[in-house]
Amino acid sequence: MNGGKGLYSWEKAIPRSAVISKYTSRKRTKQQIDKKYGEAVAKYALCNARGRCVDANHATDAAARFANDARNTPFKNNSIIQGNTRFRLKASKRITPHQEIFTSYGADYWI
């Protein structure tokens, strides 16, 4: 349904509020992200309201970057990304074993 690879829970359920994965990679500013990607979608870049960003485009250890957005699918988001300077993907509800993990990409992603 989505274009990405997807992120899935393993053999055990993930409890609500548990950290699923850190969202790590190169720290950037919003201006650096805009300059690098221009009008293109920065698929693995994540920014907060203060303009602090992480660009996980070339990261190999940021599992959270594989979570898809459930928008326009029959599924519902079951996680959220939180953080000011360190971003984390957290379960917003209990996630059963082998279930795909979805998170909102935010309105700006879909413009």
N, C-alpha and C. Protein backbone atom coordinates (compact mmCIF):
# COMPACT_ATOMS: atom_id res chain seq x y z
N MET A 1 0.81 -1.19 0.00
CA MET A 1 0.00 0.00 0.00
C MET A 1 0.86 1.25 0.00
N ASN A 2 1.86 1.30 0.88
CA ASN A 2 2.74 2.46 0.94
C ASN A 2 3.98 2.18 0.12
N GLY A 3 4.73 3.22 -0.18
CA GLY A 3 5.91 3.07 -1.01
C GLY A 3 7.12 2.57 -0.27
N GLY A 4 7.10 2.64 1.07
CA GLY A 4 8.27 2.28 1.86
C GLY A 4 8.35 0.80 2.18
N LYS A 5 9.44 0.42 2.82
CA LYS A 5 9.67 -0.98 3.19
C LYS A 5 8.82 -1.41 4.37
N GLY A 6 8.56 -0.50 5.28
CA GLY A 6 7.76 -0.82 6.45
C GLY A 6 8.61 -1.23 7.63
N LEU A 7 8.06 -1.03 8.80
CA LEU A 7 8.70 -1.41 10.06
C LEU A 7 7.69 -2.26 10.81
N TYR A 8 8.12 -3.39 11.33
CA TYR A 8 7.22 -4.34 11.97
C TYR A 8 7.70 -4.69 13.37
N SER A 9 6.74 -4.98 14.24
CA SER A 9 7.10 -5.49 15.57
C SER A 9 7.58 -6.94 15.40
N TRP A 10 8.31 -7.42 16.38
CA TRP A 10 8.83 -8.78 16.29
C TRP A 10 7.91 -9.76 16.98
N GLU A 11 8.47 -10.66 17.73
CA GLU A 11 7.71 -11.75 18.33
C GLU A 11 6.93 -11.34 19.57
N LYS A 12 7.29 -10.23 20.19
CA LYS A 12 6.60 -9.78 21.40
C LYS A 12 5.82 -8.51 21.10
N ALA A 13 4.73 -8.33 21.83
CA ALA A 13 3.95 -7.10 21.70
C ALA A 13 4.76 -5.91 22.23
N ILE A 14 4.47 -4.76 21.71
CA ILE A 14 5.10 -3.52 22.17
C ILE A 14 4.06 -2.76 22.99
N PRO A 15 4.33 -2.52 24.27
CA PRO A 15 3.34 -1.83 25.09
C PRO A 15 3.19 -0.36 24.71
N ARG A 16 2.03 0.19 24.99
CA ARG A 16 1.77 1.61 24.75
C ARG A 16 2.82 2.45 25.49
N SER A 17 3.32 3.48 24.86
CA SER A 17 4.31 4.43 25.38
C SER A 17 5.75 3.92 25.35
N ALA A 18 5.96 2.68 24.93
CA ALA A 18 7.33 2.15 24.85
C ALA A 18 8.07 2.79 23.67
N VAL A 19 9.36 3.04 23.87
CA VAL A 19 10.19 3.53 22.78
C VAL A 19 10.46 2.36 21.83
N ILE A 20 10.11 2.54 20.58
CA ILE A 20 10.31 1.50 19.57
C ILE A 20 11.71 1.61 18.99
N SER A 21 12.10 2.84 18.68
CA SER A 21 13.41 3.07 18.07
C SER A 21 13.77 4.54 18.19
N LYS A 22 15.05 4.80 18.27
CA LYS A 22 15.53 6.18 18.17
C LYS A 22 15.53 6.56 16.69
N TYR A 23 15.32 7.83 16.42
CA TYR A 23 15.40 8.33 15.05
C TYR A 23 16.69 9.12 14.99
N THR A 24 17.75 8.47 14.53
CA THR A 24 19.08 9.05 14.59
C THR A 24 19.70 9.19 13.21
N SER A 25 20.61 10.11 13.11
CA SER A 25 21.45 10.30 11.93
C SER A 25 22.07 11.68 11.99
N ARG A 26 22.27 12.28 10.84
CA ARG A 26 22.93 13.58 10.77
C ARG A 26 22.00 14.69 11.24
N LYS A 27 22.48 15.49 12.17
CA LYS A 27 21.70 16.63 12.65
C LYS A 27 21.82 17.76 11.65
N ARG A 28 20.69 18.37 11.34
CA ARG A 28 20.63 19.45 10.36
C ARG A 28 19.67 20.53 10.87
N THR A 29 19.72 21.68 10.23
CA THR A 29 18.72 22.71 10.47
C THR A 29 17.68 22.62 9.36
N LYS A 30 16.54 23.24 9.58
CA LYS A 30 15.50 23.25 8.55
C LYS A 30 16.03 23.89 7.27
N GLN A 31 16.84 24.94 7.41
CA GLN A 31 17.42 25.60 6.24
C GLN A 31 18.34 24.66 5.46
N GLN A 32 19.12 23.85 6.15
CA GLN A 32 20.01 22.89 5.48
C GLN A 32 19.19 21.84 4.73
N ILE A 33 18.10 21.38 5.35
CA ILE A 33 17.23 20.40 4.70
C ILE A 33 16.61 21.00 3.44
N ASP A 34 16.08 22.22 3.57
CA ASP A 34 15.47 22.89 2.42
C ASP A 34 16.47 23.10 1.30
N LYS A 35 17.69 23.46 1.64
CA LYS A 35 18.72 23.68 0.62
C LYS A 35 19.10 22.36 -0.08
N LYS A 36 19.21 21.30 0.70
CA LYS A 36 19.61 20.00 0.15
C LYS A 36 18.55 19.41 -0.77
N TYR A 37 17.28 19.47 -0.35
CA TYR A 37 16.22 18.79 -1.08
C TYR A 37 15.39 19.70 -1.97
N GLY A 38 15.45 21.00 -1.76
CA GLY A 38 14.66 21.92 -2.58
C GLY A 38 13.18 21.61 -2.49
N GLU A 39 12.54 21.49 -3.64
CA GLU A 39 11.10 21.20 -3.69
C GLU A 39 10.79 19.70 -3.56
N ALA A 40 11.81 18.86 -3.61
CA ALA A 40 11.61 17.41 -3.51
C ALA A 40 11.24 17.04 -2.08
N VAL A 41 10.59 15.91 -1.90
CA VAL A 41 10.25 15.42 -0.57
C VAL A 41 11.50 14.85 0.08
N ALA A 42 11.81 15.32 1.26
CA ALA A 42 12.93 14.80 2.04
C ALA A 42 12.41 13.59 2.81
N LYS A 43 12.40 12.43 2.16
CA LYS A 43 11.71 11.24 2.68
C LYS A 43 12.11 10.84 4.09
N TYR A 44 13.38 10.95 4.43
CA TYR A 44 13.82 10.48 5.74
C TYR A 44 14.30 11.61 6.64
N ALA A 45 13.92 12.84 6.33
CA ALA A 45 14.26 13.98 7.17
C ALA A 45 13.11 14.26 8.12
N LEU A 46 13.45 14.59 9.34
CA LEU A 46 12.45 14.85 10.37
C LEU A 46 12.85 16.13 11.08
N CYS A 47 11.92 17.08 11.17
CA CYS A 47 12.19 18.36 11.83
C CYS A 47 11.15 18.63 12.91
N ASN A 48 11.56 19.33 13.95
CA ASN A 48 10.60 19.75 14.97
C ASN A 48 10.19 21.20 14.70
N ALA A 49 9.33 21.74 15.53
CA ALA A 49 8.80 23.09 15.34
C ALA A 49 9.88 24.16 15.47
N ARG A 50 10.97 23.84 16.13
CA ARG A 50 12.07 24.80 16.31
C ARG A 50 13.07 24.78 15.15
N GLY A 51 12.83 23.92 14.17
CA GLY A 51 13.73 23.86 13.02
C GLY A 51 14.93 22.96 13.21
N ARG A 52 14.92 22.16 14.26
CA ARG A 52 15.99 21.17 14.45
C ARG A 52 15.58 19.90 13.72
N CYS A 53 16.50 19.38 12.94
CA CYS A 53 16.16 18.25 12.07
C CYS A 53 17.17 17.13 12.17
N VAL A 54 16.75 15.96 11.72
CA VAL A 54 17.60 14.80 11.54
C VAL A 54 17.37 14.32 10.12
N ASP A 55 18.44 14.09 9.39
CA ASP A 55 18.34 13.58 8.02
C ASP A 55 18.87 12.15 8.01
N ALA A 56 17.96 11.19 7.99
CA ALA A 56 18.34 9.77 8.05
C ALA A 56 18.38 9.13 6.67
N ASN A 57 18.53 9.93 5.62
CA ASN A 57 18.54 9.40 4.26
C ASN A 57 19.62 8.35 4.04
N HIS A 58 20.77 8.54 4.63
CA HIS A 58 21.87 7.59 4.43
C HIS A 58 22.19 6.77 5.67
N ALA A 59 21.34 6.83 6.67
CA ALA A 59 21.58 6.09 7.91
C ALA A 59 21.30 4.61 7.73
N THR A 60 22.04 3.80 8.44
CA THR A 60 21.80 2.36 8.41
C THR A 60 21.31 1.83 9.75
N ASP A 61 21.30 2.70 10.76
CA ASP A 61 20.92 2.25 12.10
C ASP A 61 19.67 2.95 12.64
N ALA A 62 18.91 3.60 11.77
CA ALA A 62 17.71 4.32 12.19
C ALA A 62 16.47 3.55 11.75
N ALA A 63 16.13 2.50 12.48
CA ALA A 63 15.00 1.65 12.11
C ALA A 63 13.71 2.45 12.01
N ALA A 64 13.56 3.48 12.84
CA ALA A 64 12.32 4.27 12.85
C ALA A 64 12.03 4.89 11.48
N ARG A 65 13.04 5.09 10.66
CA ARG A 65 12.81 5.72 9.36
C ARG A 65 11.99 4.84 8.42
N PHE A 66 11.84 3.57 8.74
CA PHE A 66 11.09 2.67 7.87
C PHE A 66 9.59 2.61 8.20
N ALA A 67 9.17 3.29 9.26
CA ALA A 67 7.75 3.31 9.60
C ALA A 67 6.98 4.10 8.53
N ASN A 68 5.92 3.53 8.04
CA ASN A 68 5.08 4.20 7.05
C ASN A 68 3.97 5.00 7.73
N ASP A 69 3.37 5.90 6.98
CA ASP A 69 2.20 6.65 7.43
C ASP A 69 0.97 5.90 6.95
N ALA A 70 -0.03 5.76 7.81
CA ALA A 70 -1.24 5.02 7.44
C ALA A 70 -2.21 5.85 6.60
N ARG A 71 -1.86 7.06 6.30
CA ARG A 71 -2.74 7.94 5.51
C ARG A 71 -3.13 7.26 4.19
N ASN A 72 -4.39 7.35 3.85
CA ASN A 72 -4.95 6.78 2.61
C ASN A 72 -4.82 5.26 2.53
N THR A 73 -4.79 4.61 3.68
CA THR A 73 -4.79 3.14 3.75
C THR A 73 -5.90 2.73 4.71
N PRO A 74 -6.22 1.45 4.76
CA PRO A 74 -7.22 1.00 5.74
C PRO A 74 -6.67 0.89 7.17
N PHE A 75 -5.38 1.19 7.35
CA PHE A 75 -4.75 1.05 8.66
C PHE A 75 -4.79 2.36 9.43
N LYS A 76 -4.43 2.30 10.71
CA LYS A 76 -4.36 3.48 11.57
C LYS A 76 -2.95 3.61 12.13
N ASN A 77 -2.52 4.86 12.33
CA ASN A 77 -1.21 5.08 12.94
C ASN A 77 -1.23 4.53 14.36
N ASN A 78 -0.15 3.86 14.75
CA ASN A 78 -0.07 3.26 16.08
C ASN A 78 1.19 3.70 16.84
N SER A 79 1.83 4.74 16.32
CA SER A 79 3.02 5.26 16.98
C SER A 79 3.14 6.75 16.69
N ILE A 80 4.00 7.42 17.46
CA ILE A 80 4.25 8.84 17.25
C ILE A 80 5.75 9.09 17.35
N ILE A 81 6.19 10.15 16.70
CA ILE A 81 7.58 10.57 16.82
C ILE A 81 7.60 11.76 17.76
N GLN A 82 8.44 11.67 18.79
CA GLN A 82 8.55 12.73 19.78
C GLN A 82 10.00 13.13 19.95
N GLY A 83 10.19 14.36 20.40
CA GLY A 83 11.53 14.81 20.74
C GLY A 83 11.79 16.24 20.33
N ASN A 84 12.71 16.86 21.04
CA ASN A 84 13.13 18.22 20.71
C ASN A 84 14.50 18.22 20.05
N THR A 85 15.44 17.53 20.65
CA THR A 85 16.77 17.42 20.05
C THR A 85 17.11 15.96 19.74
N ARG A 86 16.46 15.04 20.43
CA ARG A 86 16.61 13.61 20.18
C ARG A 86 15.23 13.06 19.88
N PHE A 87 15.09 12.51 18.70
CA PHE A 87 13.78 12.03 18.28
C PHE A 87 13.65 10.53 18.57
N ARG A 88 12.43 10.13 18.96
CA ARG A 88 12.16 8.72 19.25
C ARG A 88 10.80 8.35 18.67
N LEU A 89 10.69 7.14 18.19
CA LEU A 89 9.42 6.59 17.75
C LEU A 89 8.85 5.81 18.93
N LYS A 90 7.66 6.22 19.39
CA LYS A 90 7.04 5.59 20.56
C LYS A 90 5.68 5.03 20.18
N ALA A 91 5.32 3.92 20.80
CA ALA A 91 4.02 3.30 20.57
C ALA A 91 2.92 4.18 21.17
N SER A 92 1.92 4.51 20.38
CA SER A 92 0.79 5.30 20.90
C SER A 92 -0.35 4.40 21.36
N LYS A 93 -0.22 3.13 21.07
CA LYS A 93 -1.15 2.10 21.54
C LYS A 93 -0.39 0.79 21.54
N ARG A 94 -0.95 -0.23 22.13
CA ARG A 94 -0.29 -1.55 22.14
C ARG A 94 -0.19 -2.06 20.71
N ILE A 95 0.99 -2.55 20.36
CA ILE A 95 1.23 -3.09 19.02
C ILE A 95 1.47 -4.59 19.16
N THR A 96 0.66 -5.35 18.48
CA THR A 96 0.73 -6.81 18.60
C THR A 96 1.94 -7.36 17.83
N PRO A 97 2.36 -8.59 18.14
CA PRO A 97 3.49 -9.19 17.43
C PRO A 97 3.25 -9.22 15.91
N HIS A 98 4.28 -8.96 15.16
CA HIS A 98 4.30 -9.01 13.70
C HIS A 98 3.40 -7.98 13.03
N GLN A 99 3.00 -6.95 13.76
CA GLN A 99 2.14 -5.90 13.22
C GLN A 99 3.02 -4.79 12.62
N GLU A 100 2.56 -4.21 11.51
CA GLU A 100 3.29 -3.08 10.94
C GLU A 100 3.12 -1.86 11.83
N ILE A 101 4.18 -1.09 11.94
CA ILE A 101 4.19 0.12 12.75
C ILE A 101 4.00 1.32 11.82
N PHE A 102 2.99 2.13 12.12
CA PHE A 102 2.67 3.31 11.32
C PHE A 102 2.78 4.56 12.19
N THR A 103 3.22 5.65 11.58
CA THR A 103 3.30 6.94 12.27
C THR A 103 2.96 8.06 11.30
N SER A 104 2.42 9.13 11.81
CA SER A 104 2.07 10.27 10.95
C SER A 104 3.33 10.97 10.46
N TYR A 105 3.37 11.29 9.18
CA TYR A 105 4.48 12.06 8.63
C TYR A 105 4.25 13.56 8.79
N GLY A 106 3.05 13.95 9.18
CA GLY A 106 2.72 15.36 9.31
C GLY A 106 2.18 15.93 8.02
N ALA A 107 1.42 17.01 8.14
CA ALA A 107 0.76 17.62 6.98
C ALA A 107 1.74 18.12 5.93
N ASP A 108 2.90 18.63 6.35
CA ASP A 108 3.87 19.18 5.40
C ASP A 108 4.38 18.14 4.41
N TYR A 109 4.45 16.90 4.84
CA TYR A 109 4.94 15.82 3.96
C TYR A 109 4.04 15.65 2.73
N TRP A 110 2.76 15.86 2.91
CA TRP A 110 1.79 15.57 1.86
C TRP A 110 1.46 16.77 0.97
N ILE A 111 2.12 17.89 1.20
CA ILE A 111 1.84 19.08 0.37
C ILE A 111 2.43 18.92 -1.01
